[in-house]
Each structure stands twice: as structure tokens, then as C-alpha cells.
Amino acid sequence: APGRAQVFTTVVDTFLEKLVAAGSYQRFV
């Protein structure tokens, strides 16, 4: 199974993707 460090990194990356999706270009416009 992936280690906790890998899981943490995956969670952070997922958070960033969702943050960018929430701040979409259309909303910015």
C-alpha cells in the first residue's frame, strides 16, 4: 500500500486541483 507520505502528497495535489477548478477562468472573467 502507498505510504502515508505518498497519501499526504496525493491529498495535497487533489486539493490544489480542486482549488484551481473552483477558481476557474470563467469565474475570473
PDB file of all heavy atoms in Angstrom:
ATOM      1  N   ALA A   1       0.854  -1.185   0.000  1.00  0.00           N
ATOM      2  CA  ALA A   1       0.000   0.000   0.000  1.00  0.00           C
ATOM      3  C   ALA A   1       0.890   1.236   0.000  1.00  0.00           C
ATOM      4  O   ALA A   1       2.013   1.191   0.502  1.00  0.00           O
ATOM      5  CB  ALA A   1      -0.898  -0.023   1.223  1.00  0.00           C
ATOM      6  N   PRO A   2       0.389   2.341  -0.541  1.00  0.00           N
ATOM      7  CA  PRO A   2       1.217   3.552  -0.535  1.00  0.00           C
ATOM      8  C   PRO A   2       1.440   4.034   0.893  1.00  0.00           C
ATOM      9  O   PRO A   2       0.588   3.876   1.754  1.00  0.00           O
ATOM     10  CB  PRO A   2       0.379   4.554  -1.337  1.00  0.00           C
ATOM     11  CG  PRO A   2      -1.011   4.034  -1.284  1.00  0.00           C
ATOM     12  CD  PRO A   2      -0.902   2.543  -1.152  1.00  0.00           C
ATOM     13  N   GLY A   3       2.604   4.611   1.104  1.00  0.00           N
ATOM     14  CA  GLY A   3       2.933   5.121   2.432  1.00  0.00           C
ATOM     15  C   GLY A   3       2.141   6.378   2.742  1.00  0.00           C
ATOM     16  O   GLY A   3       1.530   6.996   1.865  1.00  0.00           O
ATOM     17  N   ARG A   4       2.152   6.757   4.001  1.00  0.00           N
ATOM     18  CA  ARG A   4       1.398   7.932   4.424  1.00  0.00           C
ATOM     19  C   ARG A   4       1.913   9.209   3.763  1.00  0.00           C
ATOM     20  O   ARG A   4       1.139  10.122   3.499  1.00  0.00           O
ATOM     21  CB  ARG A   4       1.433   8.044   5.943  1.00  0.00           C
ATOM     22  CG  ARG A   4       0.430   7.100   6.559  1.00  0.00           C
ATOM     23  CD  ARG A   4       0.640   6.920   8.052  1.00  0.00           C
ATOM     24  NE  ARG A   4      -0.406   6.102   8.630  1.00  0.00           N
ATOM     25  CZ  ARG A   4      -0.549   4.804   8.429  1.00  0.00           C
ATOM     26  NH1 ARG A   4       0.279   4.175   7.650  1.00  0.00           N
ATOM     27  NH2 ARG A   4      -1.531   4.136   8.994  1.00  0.00           N
ATOM     28  N   ALA A   5       3.201   9.275   3.513  1.00  0.00           N
ATOM     29  CA  ALA A   5       3.755  10.458   2.847  1.00  0.00           C
ATOM     30  C   ALA A   5       3.191  10.571   1.433  1.00  0.00           C
ATOM     31  O   ALA A   5       2.833  11.671   0.985  1.00  0.00           O
ATOM     32  CB  ALA A   5       5.278  10.384   2.818  1.00  0.00           C
ATOM     33  N   GLN A   6       3.077   9.436   0.736  1.00  0.00           N
ATOM     34  CA  GLN A   6       2.510   9.449  -0.614  1.00  0.00           C
ATOM     35  C   GLN A   6       1.037   9.836  -0.570  1.00  0.00           C
ATOM     36  O   GLN A   6       0.564  10.598  -1.418  1.00  0.00           O
ATOM     37  CB  GLN A   6       2.647   8.076  -1.262  1.00  0.00           C
ATOM     38  CG  GLN A   6       4.069   7.702  -1.605  1.00  0.00           C
ATOM     39  CD  GLN A   6       4.152   6.274  -2.083  1.00  0.00           C
ATOM     40  OE1 GLN A   6       3.763   5.357  -1.382  1.00  0.00           O
ATOM     41  NE2 GLN A   6       4.658   6.095  -3.300  1.00  0.00           N
ATOM     42  N   VAL A   7       0.307   9.316   0.407  1.00  0.00           N
ATOM     43  CA  VAL A   7      -1.105   9.645   0.538  1.00  0.00           C
ATOM     44  C   VAL A   7      -1.267  11.139   0.811  1.00  0.00           C
ATOM     45  O   VAL A   7      -2.129  11.802   0.221  1.00  0.00           O
ATOM     46  CB  VAL A   7      -1.768   8.802   1.654  1.00  0.00           C
ATOM     47  CG1 VAL A   7      -3.173   9.290   1.952  1.00  0.00           C
ATOM     48  CG2 VAL A   7      -1.787   7.331   1.273  1.00  0.00           C
ATOM     49  N   PHE A   8      -0.417  11.672   1.692  1.00  0.00           N
ATOM     50  CA  PHE A   8      -0.471  13.098   2.008  1.00  0.00           C
ATOM     51  C   PHE A   8      -0.215  13.934   0.753  1.00  0.00           C
ATOM     52  O   PHE A   8      -0.931  14.901   0.487  1.00  0.00           O
ATOM     53  CB  PHE A   8       0.546  13.434   3.102  1.00  0.00           C
ATOM     54  CG  PHE A   8       0.537  14.875   3.512  1.00  0.00           C
ATOM     55  CD1 PHE A   8      -0.471  15.375   4.328  1.00  0.00           C
ATOM     56  CD2 PHE A   8       1.532  15.743   3.086  1.00  0.00           C
ATOM     57  CE1 PHE A   8      -0.488  16.696   4.719  1.00  0.00           C
ATOM     58  CE2 PHE A   8       1.525  17.073   3.463  1.00  0.00           C
ATOM     59  CZ  PHE A   8       0.514  17.554   4.275  1.00  0.00           C
ATOM     60  N   THR A   9       0.791  13.553  -0.023  1.00  0.00           N
ATOM     61  CA  THR A   9       1.112  14.276  -1.259  1.00  0.00           C
ATOM     62  C   THR A   9      -0.061  14.208  -2.232  1.00  0.00           C
ATOM     63  O   THR A   9      -0.408  15.211  -2.864  1.00  0.00           O
ATOM     64  CB  THR A   9       2.382  13.689  -1.899  1.00  0.00           C
ATOM     65  OG1 THR A   9       3.451  13.792  -0.954  1.00  0.00           O
ATOM     66  CG2 THR A   9       2.749  14.410  -3.173  1.00  0.00           C
ATOM     67  N   THR A  10      -0.699  13.055  -2.340  1.00  0.00           N
ATOM     68  CA  THR A  10      -1.850  12.904  -3.224  1.00  0.00           C
ATOM     69  C   THR A  10      -3.007  13.789  -2.767  1.00  0.00           C
ATOM     70  O   THR A  10      -3.673  14.427  -3.585  1.00  0.00           O
ATOM     71  CB  THR A  10      -2.302  11.429  -3.265  1.00  0.00           C
ATOM     72  OG1 THR A  10      -1.198  10.622  -3.678  1.00  0.00           O
ATOM     73  CG2 THR A  10      -3.457  11.227  -4.206  1.00  0.00           C
ATOM     74  N   VAL A  11      -3.239  13.842  -1.464  1.00  0.00           N
ATOM     75  CA  VAL A  11      -4.313  14.689  -0.928  1.00  0.00           C
ATOM     76  C   VAL A  11      -4.031  16.159  -1.237  1.00  0.00           C
ATOM     77  O   VAL A  11      -4.937  16.902  -1.653  1.00  0.00           O
ATOM     78  CB  VAL A  11      -4.474  14.459   0.593  1.00  0.00           C
ATOM     79  CG1 VAL A  11      -5.341  15.526   1.224  1.00  0.00           C
ATOM     80  CG2 VAL A  11      -5.050  13.085   0.860  1.00  0.00           C
ATOM     81  N   VAL A  12      -2.782  16.576  -1.055  1.00  0.00           N
ATOM     82  CA  VAL A  12      -2.419  17.968  -1.339  1.00  0.00           C
ATOM     83  C   VAL A  12      -2.606  18.268  -2.824  1.00  0.00           C
ATOM     84  O   VAL A  12      -3.169  19.313  -3.192  1.00  0.00           O
ATOM     85  CB  VAL A  12      -0.973  18.260  -0.888  1.00  0.00           C
ATOM     86  CG1 VAL A  12      -0.480  19.583  -1.433  1.00  0.00           C
ATOM     87  CG2 VAL A  12      -0.887  18.246   0.619  1.00  0.00           C
ATOM     88  N   ASP A  13      -2.172  17.356  -3.688  1.00  0.00           N
ATOM     89  CA  ASP A  13      -2.335  17.572  -5.128  1.00  0.00           C
ATOM     90  C   ASP A  13      -3.813  17.641  -5.520  1.00  0.00           C
ATOM     91  O   ASP A  13      -4.213  18.480  -6.338  1.00  0.00           O
ATOM     92  CB  ASP A  13      -1.636  16.461  -5.913  1.00  0.00           C
ATOM     93  CG  ASP A  13      -0.121  16.547  -5.799  1.00  0.00           C
ATOM     94  OD1 ASP A  13       0.398  17.614  -5.388  1.00  0.00           O
ATOM     95  OD2 ASP A  13       0.555  15.540  -6.113  1.00  0.00           O
ATOM     96  N   THR A  14      -4.623  16.778  -4.931  1.00  0.00           N
ATOM     97  CA  THR A  14      -6.067  16.797  -5.206  1.00  0.00           C
ATOM     98  C   THR A  14      -6.676  18.112  -4.733  1.00  0.00           C
ATOM     99  O   THR A  14      -7.518  18.708  -5.424  1.00  0.00           O
ATOM    100  CB  THR A  14      -6.764  15.611  -4.502  1.00  0.00           C
ATOM    101  OG1 THR A  14      -6.145  14.403  -4.932  1.00  0.00           O
ATOM    102  CG2 THR A  14      -8.241  15.573  -4.814  1.00  0.00           C
ATOM    103  N   PHE A  15      -6.245  18.567  -3.557  1.00  0.00           N
ATOM    104  CA  PHE A  15      -6.724  19.856  -3.046  1.00  0.00           C
ATOM    105  C   PHE A  15      -6.386  20.974  -4.023  1.00  0.00           C
ATOM    106  O   PHE A  15      -7.233  21.829  -4.323  1.00  0.00           O
ATOM    107  CB  PHE A  15      -6.103  20.128  -1.671  1.00  0.00           C
ATOM    108  CG  PHE A  15      -6.185  21.551  -1.242  1.00  0.00           C
ATOM    109  CD1 PHE A  15      -7.389  22.093  -0.798  1.00  0.00           C
ATOM    110  CD2 PHE A  15      -5.066  22.378  -1.279  1.00  0.00           C
ATOM    111  CE1 PHE A  15      -7.473  23.418  -0.409  1.00  0.00           C
ATOM    112  CE2 PHE A  15      -5.146  23.699  -0.888  1.00  0.00           C
ATOM    113  CZ  PHE A  15      -6.351  24.230  -0.457  1.00  0.00           C
ATOM    114  N   LEU A  16      -5.161  20.983  -4.523  1.00  0.00           N
ATOM    115  CA  LEU A  16      -4.761  22.031  -5.466  1.00  0.00           C
ATOM    116  C   LEU A  16      -5.584  21.976  -6.750  1.00  0.00           C
ATOM    117  O   LEU A  16      -5.993  23.019  -7.283  1.00  0.00           O
ATOM    118  CB  LEU A  16      -3.269  21.909  -5.791  1.00  0.00           C
ATOM    119  CG  LEU A  16      -2.324  22.453  -4.736  1.00  0.00           C
ATOM    120  CD1 LEU A  16      -0.876  22.146  -5.094  1.00  0.00           C
ATOM    121  CD2 LEU A  16      -2.513  23.946  -4.563  1.00  0.00           C
ATOM    122  N   GLU A  17      -5.840  20.774  -7.249  1.00  0.00           N
ATOM    123  CA  GLU A  17      -6.652  20.636  -8.465  1.00  0.00           C
ATOM    124  C   GLU A  17      -8.059  21.192  -8.237  1.00  0.00           C
ATOM    125  O   GLU A  17      -8.602  21.916  -9.077  1.00  0.00           O
ATOM    126  CB  GLU A  17      -6.748  19.170  -8.879  1.00  0.00           C
ATOM    127  CG  GLU A  17      -5.468  18.605  -9.445  1.00  0.00           C
ATOM    128  CD  GLU A  17      -5.560  17.095  -9.686  1.00  0.00           C
ATOM    129  OE1 GLU A  17      -6.688  16.553  -9.678  1.00  0.00           O
ATOM    130  OE2 GLU A  17      -4.499  16.479  -9.882  1.00  0.00           O
ATOM    131  N   LYS A  18      -8.635  20.876  -7.073  1.00  0.00           N
ATOM    132  CA  LYS A  18      -9.987  21.352  -6.779  1.00  0.00           C
ATOM    133  C   LYS A  18     -10.006  22.854  -6.542  1.00  0.00           C
ATOM    134  O   LYS A  18     -10.969  23.541  -6.898  1.00  0.00           O
ATOM    135  CB  LYS A  18     -10.569  20.602  -5.591  1.00  0.00           C
ATOM    136  CG  LYS A  18     -10.856  19.155  -5.929  1.00  0.00           C
ATOM    137  CD  LYS A  18     -11.585  18.443  -4.834  1.00  0.00           C
ATOM    138  CE  LYS A  18     -11.851  17.015  -5.300  1.00  0.00           C
ATOM    139  NZ  LYS A  18     -12.845  16.347  -4.497  1.00  0.00           N
ATOM    140  N   LEU A  19      -8.933  23.363  -5.971  1.00  0.00           N
ATOM    141  CA  LEU A  19      -8.835  24.804  -5.762  1.00  0.00           C
ATOM    142  C   LEU A  19      -8.779  25.530  -7.098  1.00  0.00           C
ATOM    143  O   LEU A  19      -9.468  26.538  -7.298  1.00  0.00           O
ATOM    144  CB  LEU A  19      -7.597  25.133  -4.917  1.00  0.00           C
ATOM    145  CG  LEU A  19      -7.371  26.595  -4.595  1.00  0.00           C
ATOM    146  CD1 LEU A  19      -8.469  27.096  -3.659  1.00  0.00           C
ATOM    147  CD2 LEU A  19      -6.008  26.800  -3.970  1.00  0.00           C
ATOM    148  N   VAL A  20      -7.981  25.012  -8.006  1.00  0.00           N
ATOM    149  CA  VAL A  20      -7.871  25.627  -9.329  1.00  0.00           C
ATOM    150  C   VAL A  20      -9.204  25.511 -10.067  1.00  0.00           C
ATOM    151  O   VAL A  20      -9.650  26.457 -10.729  1.00  0.00           O
ATOM    152  CB  VAL A  20      -6.724  24.977 -10.142  1.00  0.00           C
ATOM    153  CG1 VAL A  20      -6.767  25.396 -11.590  1.00  0.00           C
ATOM    154  CG2 VAL A  20      -5.389  25.336  -9.518  1.00  0.00           C
ATOM    155  N   ALA A  21      -9.871  24.355  -9.917  1.00  0.00           N
ATOM    156  CA  ALA A  21     -11.171  24.179 -10.561  1.00  0.00           C
ATOM    157  C   ALA A  21     -12.197  25.151  -9.989  1.00  0.00           C
ATOM    158  O   ALA A  21     -13.032  25.694 -10.720  1.00  0.00           O
ATOM    159  CB  ALA A  21     -11.653  22.739 -10.387  1.00  0.00           C
ATOM    160  N   ALA A  22     -12.132  25.384  -8.666  1.00  0.00           N
ATOM    161  CA  ALA A  22     -13.068  26.315  -8.047  1.00  0.00           C
ATOM    162  C   ALA A  22     -12.798  27.746  -8.515  1.00  0.00           C
ATOM    163  O   ALA A  22     -13.727  28.552  -8.644  1.00  0.00           O
ATOM    164  CB  ALA A  22     -12.970  26.232  -6.531  1.00  0.00           C
ATOM    165  N   GLY A  23     -11.552  28.048  -8.777  1.00  0.00           N
ATOM    166  CA  GLY A  23     -11.200  29.381  -9.278  1.00  0.00           C
ATOM    167  C   GLY A  23     -11.024  29.338 -10.780  1.00  0.00           C
ATOM    168  O   GLY A  23      -9.986  29.738 -11.300  1.00  0.00           O
ATOM    169  N   SER A  24     -12.020  28.849 -11.473  1.00  0.00           N
ATOM    170  CA  SER A  24     -11.920  28.654 -12.925  1.00  0.00           C
ATOM    171  C   SER A  24     -11.757  29.993 -13.657  1.00  0.00           C
ATOM    172  O   SER A  24     -12.051  31.069 -13.123  1.00  0.00           O
ATOM    173  CB  SER A  24     -13.169  27.943 -13.439  1.00  0.00           C
ATOM    174  OG  SER A  24     -14.291  28.794 -13.320  1.00  0.00           O
ATOM    175  N   TYR A  25     -11.323  29.868 -14.873  1.00  0.00           N
ATOM    176  CA  TYR A  25     -11.115  31.051 -15.708  1.00  0.00           C
ATOM    177  C   TYR A  25     -12.438  31.780 -15.914  1.00  0.00           C
ATOM    178  O   TYR A  25     -12.483  33.007 -15.887  1.00  0.00           O
ATOM    179  CB  TYR A  25     -10.496  30.641 -17.042  1.00  0.00           C
ATOM    180  CG  TYR A  25     -10.267  31.802 -17.980  1.00  0.00           C
ATOM    181  CD1 TYR A  25      -9.378  32.811 -17.648  1.00  0.00           C
ATOM    182  CD2 TYR A  25     -10.957  31.895 -19.188  1.00  0.00           C
ATOM    183  CE1 TYR A  25      -9.176  33.896 -18.496  1.00  0.00           C
ATOM    184  CE2 TYR A  25     -10.756  32.970 -20.034  1.00  0.00           C
ATOM    185  CZ  TYR A  25      -9.871  33.966 -19.685  1.00  0.00           C
ATOM    186  OH  TYR A  25      -9.673  35.031 -20.522  1.00  0.00           O
ATOM    187  N   GLN A  26     -13.498  31.004 -16.055  1.00  0.00           N
ATOM    188  CA  GLN A  26     -14.808  31.629 -16.275  1.00  0.00           C
ATOM    189  C   GLN A  26     -15.217  32.489 -15.078  1.00  0.00           C
ATOM    190  O   GLN A  26     -15.733  33.584 -15.242  1.00  0.00           O
ATOM    191  CB  GLN A  26     -15.864  30.556 -16.545  1.00  0.00           C
ATOM    192  CG  GLN A  26     -17.177  31.104 -17.062  1.00  0.00           C
ATOM    193  CD  GLN A  26     -16.998  31.950 -18.329  1.00  0.00           C
ATOM    194  OE1 GLN A  26     -16.295  31.562 -19.264  1.00  0.00           O
ATOM    195  NE2 GLN A  26     -17.618  33.116 -18.354  1.00  0.00           N
ATOM    196  N   ARG A  27     -14.974  32.018 -13.882  1.00  0.00           N
ATOM    197  CA  ARG A  27     -15.279  32.808 -12.682  1.00  0.00           C
ATOM    198  C   ARG A  27     -14.409  34.058 -12.626  1.00  0.00           C
ATOM    199  O   ARG A  27     -14.859  35.133 -12.216  1.00  0.00           O
ATOM    200  CB  ARG A  27     -15.075  31.980 -11.423  1.00  0.00           C
ATOM    201  CG  ARG A  27     -16.151  30.952 -11.229  1.00  0.00           C
ATOM    202  CD  ARG A  27     -15.988  30.246  -9.924  1.00  0.00           C
ATOM    203  NE  ARG A  27     -17.033  29.240  -9.787  1.00  0.00           N
ATOM    204  CZ  ARG A  27     -17.226  28.516  -8.712  1.00  0.00           C
ATOM    205  NH1 ARG A  27     -16.455  28.674  -7.656  1.00  0.00           N
ATOM    206  NH2 ARG A  27     -18.185  27.631  -8.670  1.00  0.00           N
ATOM    207  N   PHE A  28     -13.147  33.875 -12.983  1.00  0.00           N
ATOM    208  CA  PHE A  28     -12.228  35.009 -13.004  1.00  0.00           C
ATOM    209  C   PHE A  28     -12.733  36.071 -13.982  1.00  0.00           C
ATOM    210  O   PHE A  28     -12.753  37.262 -13.665  1.00  0.00           O
ATOM    211  CB  PHE A  28     -10.830  34.515 -13.403  1.00  0.00           C
ATOM    212  CG  PHE A  28      -9.753  35.542 -13.290  1.00  0.00           C
ATOM    213  CD1 PHE A  28      -9.187  35.851 -12.062  1.00  0.00           C
ATOM    214  CD2 PHE A  28      -9.279  36.193 -14.421  1.00  0.00           C
ATOM    215  CE1 PHE A  28      -8.177  36.804 -11.958  1.00  0.00           C
ATOM    216  CE2 PHE A  28      -8.278  37.140 -14.327  1.00  0.00           C
ATOM    217  CZ  PHE A  28      -7.727  37.447 -13.100  1.00  0.00           C
ATOM    218  N   VAL A  29     -13.159  35.618 -15.153  1.00  0.00           N
ATOM    219  CA  VAL A  29     -13.674  36.542 -16.173  1.00  0.00           C
ATOM    220  C   VAL A  29     -14.932  37.234 -15.666  1.00  0.00           C
ATOM    221  O   VAL A  29     -15.122  38.444 -15.897  1.00  0.00           O
ATOM    222  CB  VAL A  29     -13.945  35.779 -17.497  1.00  0.00           C
ATOM    223  CG1 VAL A  29     -14.788  36.608 -18.462  1.00  0.00           C
ATOM    224  CG2 VAL A  29     -12.635  35.396 -18.145  1.00  0.00           C
TER     225      VAL A  29
END
